[in-house]
PDB file of all heavy atoms in Angstrom:
ATOM      1  N   ASN A   1       2.027 -27.568   1.620  1.00  0.00           N
ATOM      2  CA  ASN A   1       1.060 -28.434   2.300  1.00  0.00           C
ATOM      3  C   ASN A   1       0.280 -27.671   3.349  1.00  0.00           C
ATOM      4  O   ASN A   1       0.815 -26.752   3.987  1.00  0.00           O
ATOM      5  CB  ASN A   1       1.786 -29.629   2.913  1.00  0.00           C
ATOM      6  CG  ASN A   1       2.144 -30.666   1.883  1.00  0.00           C
ATOM      7  OD1 ASN A   1       1.305 -31.022   1.052  1.00  0.00           O
ATOM      8  ND2 ASN A   1       3.370 -31.153   1.888  1.00  0.00           N
ATOM      9  N   ILE A   2      -0.976 -28.020   3.540  1.00  0.00           N
ATOM     10  CA  ILE A   2      -1.856 -27.296   4.438  1.00  0.00           C
ATOM     11  C   ILE A   2      -1.956 -27.923   5.805  1.00  0.00           C
ATOM     12  O   ILE A   2      -2.488 -27.324   6.726  1.00  0.00           O
ATOM     13  CB  ILE A   2      -3.243 -27.133   3.829  1.00  0.00           C
ATOM     14  CG1 ILE A   2      -3.841 -28.500   3.447  1.00  0.00           C
ATOM     15  CG2 ILE A   2      -3.210 -26.238   2.620  1.00  0.00           C
ATOM     16  CD1 ILE A   2      -5.285 -28.430   2.931  1.00  0.00           C
ATOM     17  N   THR A   3      -1.446 -29.146   5.975  1.00  0.00           N
ATOM     18  CA  THR A   3      -1.346 -29.824   7.272  1.00  0.00           C
ATOM     19  C   THR A   3      -2.645 -29.722   8.064  1.00  0.00           C
ATOM     20  O   THR A   3      -2.632 -29.299   9.225  1.00  0.00           O
ATOM     21  CB  THR A   3      -0.151 -29.287   8.103  1.00  0.00           C
ATOM     22  OG1 THR A   3      -0.354 -27.865   8.341  1.00  0.00           O
ATOM     23  CG2 THR A   3       1.158 -29.480   7.346  1.00  0.00           C
ATOM     24  N   THR A   4      -3.726 -30.105   7.489  1.00  0.00           N
ATOM     25  CA  THR A   4      -5.014 -30.108   8.194  1.00  0.00           C
ATOM     26  C   THR A   4      -5.875 -31.231   7.648  1.00  0.00           C
ATOM     27  O   THR A   4      -5.714 -31.657   6.497  1.00  0.00           O
ATOM     28  CB  THR A   4      -5.732 -28.778   8.047  1.00  0.00           C
ATOM     29  OG1 THR A   4      -6.982 -28.839   8.799  1.00  0.00           O
ATOM     30  CG2 THR A   4      -6.079 -28.499   6.585  1.00  0.00           C
ATOM     31  N   PHE A   5      -6.773 -31.724   8.498  1.00  0.00           N
ATOM     32  CA  PHE A   5      -7.772 -32.714   8.071  1.00  0.00           C
ATOM     33  C   PHE A   5      -9.167 -32.127   8.093  1.00  0.00           C
ATOM     34  O   PHE A   5     -10.132 -32.884   7.969  1.00  0.00           O
ATOM     35  CB  PHE A   5      -7.682 -33.965   8.987  1.00  0.00           C
ATOM     36  CG  PHE A   5      -6.343 -34.610   9.004  1.00  0.00           C
ATOM     37  CD1 PHE A   5      -5.517 -34.483  10.101  1.00  0.00           C
ATOM     38  CD2 PHE A   5      -5.861 -35.314   7.907  1.00  0.00           C
ATOM     39  CE1 PHE A   5      -4.252 -35.069  10.145  1.00  0.00           C
ATOM     40  CE2 PHE A   5      -4.613 -35.913   7.922  1.00  0.00           C
ATOM     41  CZ  PHE A   5      -3.814 -35.783   9.044  1.00  0.00           C
ATOM     42  N   ASP A   6      -9.293 -30.831   8.256  1.00  0.00           N
ATOM     43  CA  ASP A   6     -10.573 -30.158   8.292  1.00  0.00           C
ATOM     44  C   ASP A   6     -11.129 -30.036   6.887  1.00  0.00           C
ATOM     45  O   ASP A   6     -10.555 -29.309   6.061  1.00  0.00           O
ATOM     46  CB  ASP A   6     -10.385 -28.794   8.950  1.00  0.00           C
ATOM     47  CG  ASP A   6     -11.669 -27.973   9.014  1.00  0.00           C
ATOM     48  OD1 ASP A   6     -12.717 -28.487   8.564  1.00  0.00           O
ATOM     49  OD2 ASP A   6     -11.644 -26.833   9.495  1.00  0.00           O
ATOM     50  N   PRO A   7     -12.250 -30.686   6.569  1.00  0.00           N
ATOM     51  CA  PRO A   7     -12.797 -30.621   5.199  1.00  0.00           C
ATOM     52  C   PRO A   7     -13.082 -29.196   4.725  1.00  0.00           C
ATOM     53  O   PRO A   7     -12.854 -28.881   3.554  1.00  0.00           O
ATOM     54  CB  PRO A   7     -14.083 -31.434   5.292  1.00  0.00           C
ATOM     55  CG  PRO A   7     -13.860 -32.353   6.407  1.00  0.00           C
ATOM     56  CD  PRO A   7     -13.041 -31.594   7.436  1.00  0.00           C
ATOM     57  N   LEU A   8     -13.566 -28.337   5.602  1.00  0.00           N
ATOM     58  CA  LEU A   8     -13.844 -26.974   5.205  1.00  0.00           C
ATOM     59  C   LEU A   8     -12.557 -26.230   4.817  1.00  0.00           C
ATOM     60  O   LEU A   8     -12.518 -25.507   3.817  1.00  0.00           O
ATOM     61  CB  LEU A   8     -14.552 -26.209   6.333  1.00  0.00           C
ATOM     62  CG  LEU A   8     -14.974 -24.768   6.024  1.00  0.00           C
ATOM     63  CD1 LEU A   8     -15.970 -24.739   4.861  1.00  0.00           C
ATOM     64  CD2 LEU A   8     -15.584 -24.119   7.277  1.00  0.00           C
ATOM     65  N   ARG A   9     -11.521 -26.437   5.582  1.00  0.00           N
ATOM     66  CA  ARG A   9     -10.221 -25.810   5.264  1.00  0.00           C
ATOM     67  C   ARG A   9      -9.656 -26.391   3.955  1.00  0.00           C
ATOM     68  O   ARG A   9      -9.107 -25.652   3.126  1.00  0.00           O
ATOM     69  CB  ARG A   9      -9.280 -26.032   6.443  1.00  0.00           C
ATOM     70  CG  ARG A   9      -7.813 -25.667   6.183  1.00  0.00           C
ATOM     71  CD  ARG A   9      -7.634 -24.176   6.211  1.00  0.00           C
ATOM     72  NE  ARG A   9      -6.211 -23.861   6.124  1.00  0.00           N
ATOM     73  CZ  ARG A   9      -5.700 -22.862   5.467  1.00  0.00           C
ATOM     74  NH1 ARG A   9      -6.482 -22.041   4.796  1.00  0.00           N
ATOM     75  NH2 ARG A   9      -4.392 -22.624   5.442  1.00  0.00           N
ATOM     76  N   ILE A  10      -9.778 -27.685   3.801  1.00  0.00           N
ATOM     77  CA  ILE A  10      -9.273 -28.327   2.564  1.00  0.00           C
ATOM     78  C   ILE A  10      -9.983 -27.753   1.359  1.00  0.00           C
ATOM     79  O   ILE A  10      -9.371 -27.490   0.315  1.00  0.00           O
ATOM     80  CB  ILE A  10      -9.476 -29.862   2.625  1.00  0.00           C
ATOM     81  CG1 ILE A  10      -8.614 -30.471   3.724  1.00  0.00           C
ATOM     82  CG2 ILE A  10      -9.184 -30.512   1.278  1.00  0.00           C
ATOM     83  CD1 ILE A  10      -8.913 -31.921   4.007  1.00  0.00           C
ATOM     84  N   ALA A  11     -11.311 -27.541   1.470  1.00  0.00           N
ATOM     85  CA  ALA A  11     -12.110 -27.097   0.339  1.00  0.00           C
ATOM     86  C   ALA A  11     -11.881 -25.642  -0.017  1.00  0.00           C
ATOM     87  O   ALA A  11     -12.024 -25.242  -1.179  1.00  0.00           O
ATOM     88  CB  ALA A  11     -13.570 -27.323   0.613  1.00  0.00           C
ATOM     89  N   THR A  12     -11.487 -24.816   0.983  1.00  0.00           N
ATOM     90  CA  THR A  12     -11.477 -23.376   0.755  1.00  0.00           C
ATOM     91  C   THR A  12     -10.130 -22.699   0.847  1.00  0.00           C
ATOM     92  O   THR A  12     -10.004 -21.522   0.535  1.00  0.00           O
ATOM     93  CB  THR A  12     -12.412 -22.703   1.781  1.00  0.00           C
ATOM     94  OG1 THR A  12     -11.907 -22.918   3.117  1.00  0.00           O
ATOM     95  CG2 THR A  12     -13.836 -23.237   1.694  1.00  0.00           C
ATOM     96  N   HIS A  13      -9.079 -23.422   1.274  1.00  0.00           N
ATOM     97  CA  HIS A  13      -7.822 -22.744   1.587  1.00  0.00           C
ATOM     98  C   HIS A  13      -7.234 -22.016   0.389  1.00  0.00           C
ATOM     99  O   HIS A  13      -6.718 -20.894   0.529  1.00  0.00           O
ATOM    100  CB  HIS A  13      -6.798 -23.734   2.148  1.00  0.00           C
ATOM    101  CG  HIS A  13      -6.191 -24.636   1.139  1.00  0.00           C
ATOM    102  ND1 HIS A  13      -6.766 -25.805   0.695  1.00  0.00           N
ATOM    103  CD2 HIS A  13      -5.007 -24.540   0.455  1.00  0.00           C
ATOM    104  CE1 HIS A  13      -5.986 -26.384  -0.204  1.00  0.00           C
ATOM    105  NE2 HIS A  13      -4.932 -25.649  -0.376  1.00  0.00           N
ATOM    106  N   GLU A  14      -7.295 -22.592  -0.806  1.00  0.00           N
ATOM    107  CA  GLU A  14      -6.690 -21.956  -1.955  1.00  0.00           C
ATOM    108  C   GLU A  14      -7.564 -20.809  -2.469  1.00  0.00           C
ATOM    109  O   GLU A  14      -7.013 -19.794  -2.959  1.00  0.00           O
ATOM    110  CB  GLU A  14      -6.413 -22.949  -3.058  1.00  0.00           C
ATOM    111  CG  GLU A  14      -5.623 -22.401  -4.241  1.00  0.00           C
ATOM    112  CD  GLU A  14      -4.210 -21.978  -3.888  1.00  0.00           C
ATOM    113  OE1 GLU A  14      -3.678 -22.397  -2.814  1.00  0.00           O
ATOM    114  OE2 GLU A  14      -3.591 -21.223  -4.673  1.00  0.00           O
ATOM    115  N   HIS A  15      -8.852 -20.922  -2.353  1.00  0.00           N
ATOM    116  CA  HIS A  15      -9.710 -19.788  -2.704  1.00  0.00           C
ATOM    117  C   HIS A  15      -9.403 -18.598  -1.802  1.00  0.00           C
ATOM    118  O   HIS A  15      -9.335 -17.447  -2.263  1.00  0.00           O
ATOM    119  CB  HIS A  15     -11.205 -20.156  -2.589  1.00  0.00           C
ATOM    120  CG  HIS A  15     -11.659 -21.093  -3.660  1.00  0.00           C
ATOM    121  ND1 HIS A  15     -11.739 -22.423  -3.504  1.00  0.00           N
ATOM    122  CD2 HIS A  15     -12.095 -20.828  -4.913  1.00  0.00           C
ATOM    123  CE1 HIS A  15     -12.206 -22.993  -4.628  1.00  0.00           C
ATOM    124  NE2 HIS A  15     -12.408 -22.054  -5.493  1.00  0.00           N
ATOM    125  N   ALA A  16      -9.293 -18.860  -0.507  1.00  0.00           N
ATOM    126  CA  ALA A  16      -8.993 -17.776   0.432  1.00  0.00           C
ATOM    127  C   ALA A  16      -7.627 -17.154   0.129  1.00  0.00           C
ATOM    128  O   ALA A  16      -7.467 -15.920   0.153  1.00  0.00           O
ATOM    129  CB  ALA A  16      -8.995 -18.316   1.875  1.00  0.00           C
ATOM    130  N   ALA A  17      -6.642 -17.999  -0.193  1.00  0.00           N
ATOM    131  CA  ALA A  17      -5.307 -17.468  -0.515  1.00  0.00           C
ATOM    132  C   ALA A  17      -5.335 -16.665  -1.818  1.00  0.00           C
ATOM    133  O   ALA A  17      -4.697 -15.609  -1.913  1.00  0.00           O
ATOM    134  CB  ALA A  17      -4.315 -18.620  -0.626  1.00  0.00           C
ATOM    135  N   LEU A  18      -6.078 -17.148  -2.794  1.00  0.00           N
ATOM    136  CA  LEU A  18      -6.184 -16.446  -4.064  1.00  0.00           C
ATOM    137  C   LEU A  18      -6.796 -15.047  -3.875  1.00  0.00           C
ATOM    138  O   LEU A  18      -6.259 -14.046  -4.360  1.00  0.00           O
ATOM    139  CB  LEU A  18      -7.006 -17.276  -5.045  1.00  0.00           C
ATOM    140  CG  LEU A  18      -7.128 -16.766  -6.489  1.00  0.00           C
ATOM    141  CD1 LEU A  18      -7.385 -17.925  -7.423  1.00  0.00           C
ATOM    142  CD2 LEU A  18      -8.260 -15.755  -6.644  1.00  0.00           C
ATOM    143  N   LEU A  19      -7.914 -14.986  -3.182  1.00  0.00           N
ATOM    144  CA  LEU A  19      -8.559 -13.681  -2.961  1.00  0.00           C
ATOM    145  C   LEU A  19      -7.714 -12.786  -2.073  1.00  0.00           C
ATOM    146  O   LEU A  19      -7.702 -11.566  -2.257  1.00  0.00           O
ATOM    147  CB  LEU A  19      -9.957 -13.900  -2.330  1.00  0.00           C
ATOM    148  CG  LEU A  19     -10.973 -14.583  -3.220  1.00  0.00           C
ATOM    149  CD1 LEU A  19     -12.285 -14.775  -2.498  1.00  0.00           C
ATOM    150  CD2 LEU A  19     -11.207 -13.790  -4.541  1.00  0.00           C
ATOM    151  N   GLY A  20      -6.970 -13.390  -1.143  1.00  0.00           N
ATOM    152  CA  GLY A  20      -6.044 -12.578  -0.364  1.00  0.00           C
ATOM    153  C   GLY A  20      -4.972 -11.954  -1.222  1.00  0.00           C
ATOM    154  O   GLY A  20      -4.595 -10.791  -1.018  1.00  0.00           O
ATOM    155  N   ASP A  21      -4.482 -12.713  -2.200  1.00  0.00           N
ATOM    156  CA  ASP A  21      -3.455 -12.148  -3.109  1.00  0.00           C
ATOM    157  C   ASP A  21      -4.057 -11.095  -4.045  1.00  0.00           C
ATOM    158  O   ASP A  21      -3.382 -10.163  -4.422  1.00  0.00           O
ATOM    159  CB  ASP A  21      -2.798 -13.288  -3.896  1.00  0.00           C
ATOM    160  CG  ASP A  21      -1.955 -14.189  -3.021  1.00  0.00           C
ATOM    161  OD1 ASP A  21      -1.640 -13.769  -1.909  1.00  0.00           O
ATOM    162  OD2 ASP A  21      -1.629 -15.314  -3.462  1.00  0.00           O
ATOM    163  N   VAL A  22      -5.299 -11.297  -4.441  1.00  0.00           N
ATOM    164  CA  VAL A  22      -5.999 -10.286  -5.236  1.00  0.00           C
ATOM    165  C   VAL A  22      -6.088  -8.991  -4.416  1.00  0.00           C
ATOM    166  O   VAL A  22      -5.879  -7.880  -4.934  1.00  0.00           O
ATOM    167  CB  VAL A  22      -7.398 -10.747  -5.674  1.00  0.00           C
ATOM    168  CG1 VAL A  22      -8.203  -9.584  -6.237  1.00  0.00           C
ATOM    169  CG2 VAL A  22      -7.273 -11.863  -6.696  1.00  0.00           C
ATOM    170  N   ALA A  23      -6.410  -9.107  -3.148  1.00  0.00           N
ATOM    171  CA  ALA A  23      -6.528  -7.927  -2.272  1.00  0.00           C
ATOM    172  C   ALA A  23      -5.195  -7.202  -2.142  1.00  0.00           C
ATOM    173  O   ALA A  23      -5.161  -5.993  -2.007  1.00  0.00           O
ATOM    174  CB  ALA A  23      -7.018  -8.364  -0.870  1.00  0.00           C
ATOM    175  N   ARG A  24      -4.087  -7.928  -2.203  1.00  0.00           N
ATOM    176  CA  ARG A  24      -2.770  -7.314  -2.105  1.00  0.00           C
ATOM    177  C   ARG A  24      -2.281  -6.714  -3.405  1.00  0.00           C
ATOM    178  O   ARG A  24      -1.302  -5.972  -3.440  1.00  0.00           O
ATOM    179  CB  ARG A  24      -1.746  -8.345  -1.618  1.00  0.00           C
ATOM    180  CG  ARG A  24      -1.959  -8.761  -0.176  1.00  0.00           C
ATOM    181  CD  ARG A  24      -0.729  -9.427   0.355  1.00  0.00           C
ATOM    182  NE  ARG A  24      -0.591 -10.819  -0.139  1.00  0.00           N
ATOM    183  CZ  ARG A  24       0.447 -11.598   0.163  1.00  0.00           C
ATOM    184  NH1 ARG A  24       1.463 -11.122   0.889  1.00  0.00           N
ATOM    185  NH2 ARG A  24       0.493 -12.837  -0.290  1.00  0.00           N
ATOM    186  N   SER A  25      -2.947  -7.047  -4.515  1.00  0.00           N
ATOM    187  CA  SER A  25      -2.533  -6.575  -5.820  1.00  0.00           C
ATOM    188  C   SER A  25      -2.835  -5.075  -5.937  1.00  0.00           C
ATOM    189  O   SER A  25      -3.808  -4.554  -5.384  1.00  0.00           O
ATOM    190  CB  SER A  25      -3.247  -7.310  -6.942  1.00  0.00           C
ATOM    191  OG  SER A  25      -2.954  -8.692  -6.911  1.00  0.00           O
ATOM    192  N   THR A  26      -1.993  -4.368  -6.664  1.00  0.00           N
ATOM    193  CA  THR A  26      -2.137  -2.913  -6.817  1.00  0.00           C
ATOM    194  C   THR A  26      -2.419  -2.513  -8.279  1.00  0.00           C
ATOM    195  O   THR A  26      -2.578  -1.338  -8.564  1.00  0.00           O
ATOM    196  CB  THR A  26      -0.874  -2.207  -6.342  1.00  0.00           C
ATOM    197  OG1 THR A  26       0.246  -2.682  -7.086  1.00  0.00           O
ATOM    198  CG2 THR A  26      -0.643  -2.433  -4.858  1.00  0.00           C
ATOM    199  N   THR A  27      -2.493  -3.474  -9.181  1.00  0.00           N
ATOM    200  CA  THR A  27      -2.804  -3.201 -10.566  1.00  0.00           C
ATOM    201  C   THR A  27      -3.712  -4.301 -11.105  1.00  0.00           C
ATOM    202  O   THR A  27      -3.756  -5.398 -10.572  1.00  0.00           O
ATOM    203  CB  THR A  27      -1.544  -3.136 -11.458  1.00  0.00           C
ATOM    204  OG1 THR A  27      -0.959  -4.457 -11.498  1.00  0.00           O
ATOM    205  CG2 THR A  27      -0.523  -2.146 -10.918  1.00  0.00           C
ATOM    206  N   TRP A  28      -4.472  -3.977 -12.178  1.00  0.00           N
ATOM    207  CA  TRP A  28      -5.302  -4.985 -12.779  1.00  0.00           C
ATOM    208  C   TRP A  28      -4.454  -6.104 -13.416  1.00  0.00           C
ATOM    209  O   TRP A  28      -4.875  -7.253 -13.461  1.00  0.00           O
ATOM    210  CB  TRP A  28      -6.205  -4.354 -13.840  1.00  0.00           C
ATOM    211  CG  TRP A  28      -7.461  -3.822 -13.243  1.00  0.00           C
ATOM    212  CD1 TRP A  28      -7.810  -2.518 -13.111  1.00  0.00           C
ATOM    213  CD2 TRP A  28      -8.518  -4.590 -12.632  1.00  0.00           C
ATOM    214  NE1 TRP A  28      -9.032  -2.411 -12.477  1.00  0.00           N
ATOM    215  CE2 TRP A  28      -9.496  -3.659 -12.164  1.00  0.00           C
ATOM    216  CE3 TRP A  28      -8.736  -5.934 -12.447  1.00  0.00           C
ATOM    217  CZ2 TRP A  28     -10.658  -4.077 -11.528  1.00  0.00           C
ATOM    218  CZ3 TRP A  28      -9.903  -6.350 -11.809  1.00  0.00           C
ATOM    219  CH2 TRP A  28     -10.834  -5.437 -11.371  1.00  0.00           C
ATOM    220  N   ARG A  29      -3.279  -5.744 -13.861  1.00  0.00           N
ATOM    221  CA  ARG A  29      -2.417  -6.779 -14.437  1.00  0.00           C
ATOM    222  C   ARG A  29      -2.086  -7.822 -13.360  1.00  0.00           C
ATOM    223  O   ARG A  29      -2.119  -9.026 -13.631  1.00  0.00           O
ATOM    224  CB  ARG A  29      -1.124  -6.156 -14.953  1.00  0.00           C
ATOM    225  CG  ARG A  29      -0.159  -7.159 -15.547  1.00  0.00           C
ATOM    226  CD  ARG A  29       1.061  -6.474 -16.147  1.00  0.00           C
ATOM    227  NE  ARG A  29       1.953  -7.467 -16.744  1.00  0.00           N
ATOM    228  CZ  ARG A  29       3.079  -7.139 -17.379  1.00  0.00           C
ATOM    229  NH1 ARG A  29       3.446  -5.855 -17.473  1.00  0.00           N
ATOM    230  NH2 ARG A  29       3.846  -8.063 -17.907  1.00  0.00           N
ATOM    231  N   ASP A  30      -1.741  -7.360 -12.139  1.00  0.00           N
ATOM    232  CA  ASP A  30      -1.436  -8.313 -11.075  1.00  0.00           C
ATOM    233  C   ASP A  30      -2.687  -9.123 -10.687  1.00  0.00           C
ATOM    234  O   ASP A  30      -2.610 -10.326 -10.433  1.00  0.00           O
ATOM    235  CB  ASP A  30      -0.904  -7.579  -9.847  1.00  0.00           C
ATOM    236  CG  ASP A  30       0.607  -7.500  -9.846  1.00  0.00           C
ATOM    237  OD1 ASP A  30       1.229  -7.976 -10.813  1.00  0.00           O
ATOM    238  OD2 ASP A  30       1.175  -6.990  -8.884  1.00  0.00           O
ATOM    239  N   ARG A  31      -3.836  -8.462 -10.616  1.00  0.00           N
ATOM    240  CA  ARG A  31      -5.052  -9.144 -10.195  1.00  0.00           C
ATOM    241  C   ARG A  31      -5.395 -10.263 -11.211  1.00  0.00           C
ATOM    242  O   ARG A  31      -5.711 -11.397 -10.825  1.00  0.00           O
ATOM    243  CB  ARG A  31      -6.232  -8.160 -10.113  1.00  0.00           C
ATOM    244  CG  ARG A  31      -6.076  -7.185  -8.954  1.00  0.00           C
ATOM    245  CD  ARG A  31      -7.271  -6.231  -8.845  1.00  0.00           C
ATOM    246  NE  ARG A  31      -6.964  -5.172  -7.881  1.00  0.00           N
ATOM    247  CZ  ARG A  31      -6.574  -3.943  -8.239  1.00  0.00           C
ATOM    248  NH1 ARG A  31      -6.504  -3.619  -9.535  1.00  0.00           N
ATOM    249  NH2 ARG A  31      -6.295  -3.044  -7.314  1.00  0.00           N
ATOM    250  N   LEU A  32      -5.366  -9.920 -12.488  1.00  0.00           N
ATOM    251  CA  LEU A  32      -5.753 -10.911 -13.493  1.00  0.00           C
ATOM    252  C   LEU A  32      -4.686 -11.989 -13.611  1.00  0.00           C
ATOM    253  O   LEU A  32      -5.008 -13.169 -13.830  1.00  0.00           O
ATOM    254  CB  LEU A  32      -5.929 -10.204 -14.846  1.00  0.00           C
ATOM    255  CG  LEU A  32      -7.129  -9.237 -14.901  1.00  0.00           C
ATOM    256  CD1 LEU A  32      -7.191  -8.546 -16.269  1.00  0.00           C
ATOM    257  CD2 LEU A  32      -8.433  -9.977 -14.621  1.00  0.00           C
ATOM    258  N   SER A  33      -3.406 -11.609 -13.438  1.00  0.00           N
ATOM    259  CA  SER A  33      -2.353 -12.637 -13.454  1.00  0.00           C
ATOM    260  C   SER A  33      -2.488 -13.583 -12.297  1.00  0.00           C
ATOM    261  O   SER A  33      -2.292 -14.799 -12.425  1.00  0.00           O
ATOM    262  CB  SER A  33      -0.974 -11.958 -13.420  1.00  0.00           C
ATOM    263  OG  SER A  33      -0.732 -11.226 -14.597  1.00  0.00           O
ATOM    264  N   THR A  34      -2.847 -13.069 -11.128  1.00  0.00           N
ATOM    265  CA  THR A  34      -3.048 -13.929  -9.948  1.00  0.00           C
ATOM    266  C   THR A  34      -4.142 -14.943 -10.191  1.00  0.00           C
ATOM    267  O   THR A  34      -4.066 -16.082  -9.766  1.00  0.00           O
ATOM    268  CB  THR A  34      -3.428 -13.047  -8.739  1.00  0.00           C
ATOM    269  OG1 THR A  34      -2.328 -12.171  -8.441  1.00  0.00           O
ATOM    270  CG2 THR A  34      -3.744 -13.895  -7.514  1.00  0.00           C
ATOM    271  N   VAL A  35      -5.188 -14.545 -10.914  1.00  0.00           N
ATOM    272  CA  VAL A  35      -6.305 -15.438 -11.159  1.00  0.00           C
ATOM    273  C   VAL A  35      -6.040 -16.377 -12.323  1.00  0.00           C
ATOM    274  O   VAL A  35      -6.338 -17.572 -12.230  1.00  0.00           O
ATOM    275  CB  VAL A  35      -7.588 -14.609 -11.434  1.00  0.00           C
ATOM    276  CG1 VAL A  35      -8.735 -15.502 -11.876  1.00  0.00           C
ATOM    277  CG2 VAL A  35      -7.976 -13.821 -10.200  1.00  0.00           C
ATOM    278  N   LEU A  36      -5.466 -15.877 -13.394  1.00  0.00           N
ATOM    279  CA  LEU A  36      -5.399 -16.614 -14.645  1.00  0.00           C
ATOM    280  C   LEU A  36      -4.110 -17.373 -14.861  1.00  0.00           C
ATOM    281  O   LEU A  36      -4.077 -18.422 -15.495  1.00  0.00           O
ATOM    282  CB  LEU A  36      -5.669 -15.698 -15.810  1.00  0.00           C
ATOM    283  CG  LEU A  36      -7.054 -15.009 -15.823  1.00  0.00           C
ATOM    284  CD1 LEU A  36      -7.143 -14.048 -17.015  1.00  0.00           C
ATOM    285  CD2 LEU A  36      -8.155 -16.025 -15.870  1.00  0.00           C
ATOM    286  N   ARG A  37      -2.991 -16.826 -14.380  1.00  0.00           N
ATOM    287  CA  ARG A  37      -1.729 -17.508 -14.604  1.00  0.00           C
ATOM    288  C   ARG A  37      -1.560 -18.696 -13.669  1.00  0.00           C
ATOM    289  O   ARG A  37      -2.366 -18.952 -12.787  1.00  0.00           O
ATOM    290  CB  ARG A  37      -0.559 -16.515 -14.460  1.00  0.00           C
ATOM    291  CG  ARG A  37      -0.603 -15.419 -15.504  1.00  0.00           C
ATOM    292  CD  ARG A  37       0.565 -14.438 -15.397  1.00  0.00           C
ATOM    293  NE  ARG A  37       1.826 -15.067 -15.749  1.00  0.00           N
ATOM    294  CZ  ARG A  37       2.952 -14.405 -15.910  1.00  0.00           C
ATOM    295  NH1 ARG A  37       2.977 -13.067 -15.743  1.00  0.00           N
ATOM    296  NH2 ARG A  37       4.078 -15.022 -16.241  1.00  0.00           N
TER     297      ARG A  37
END
């Protein structure tokens, strides 16, 4: 749960988390798995 009522945060929190996890990935397999799985 994101525990916020901020519409901007509600709309973008998972996109930000997804791209953050892509940034932490060290292989294309991890990057594509993060996006597609």
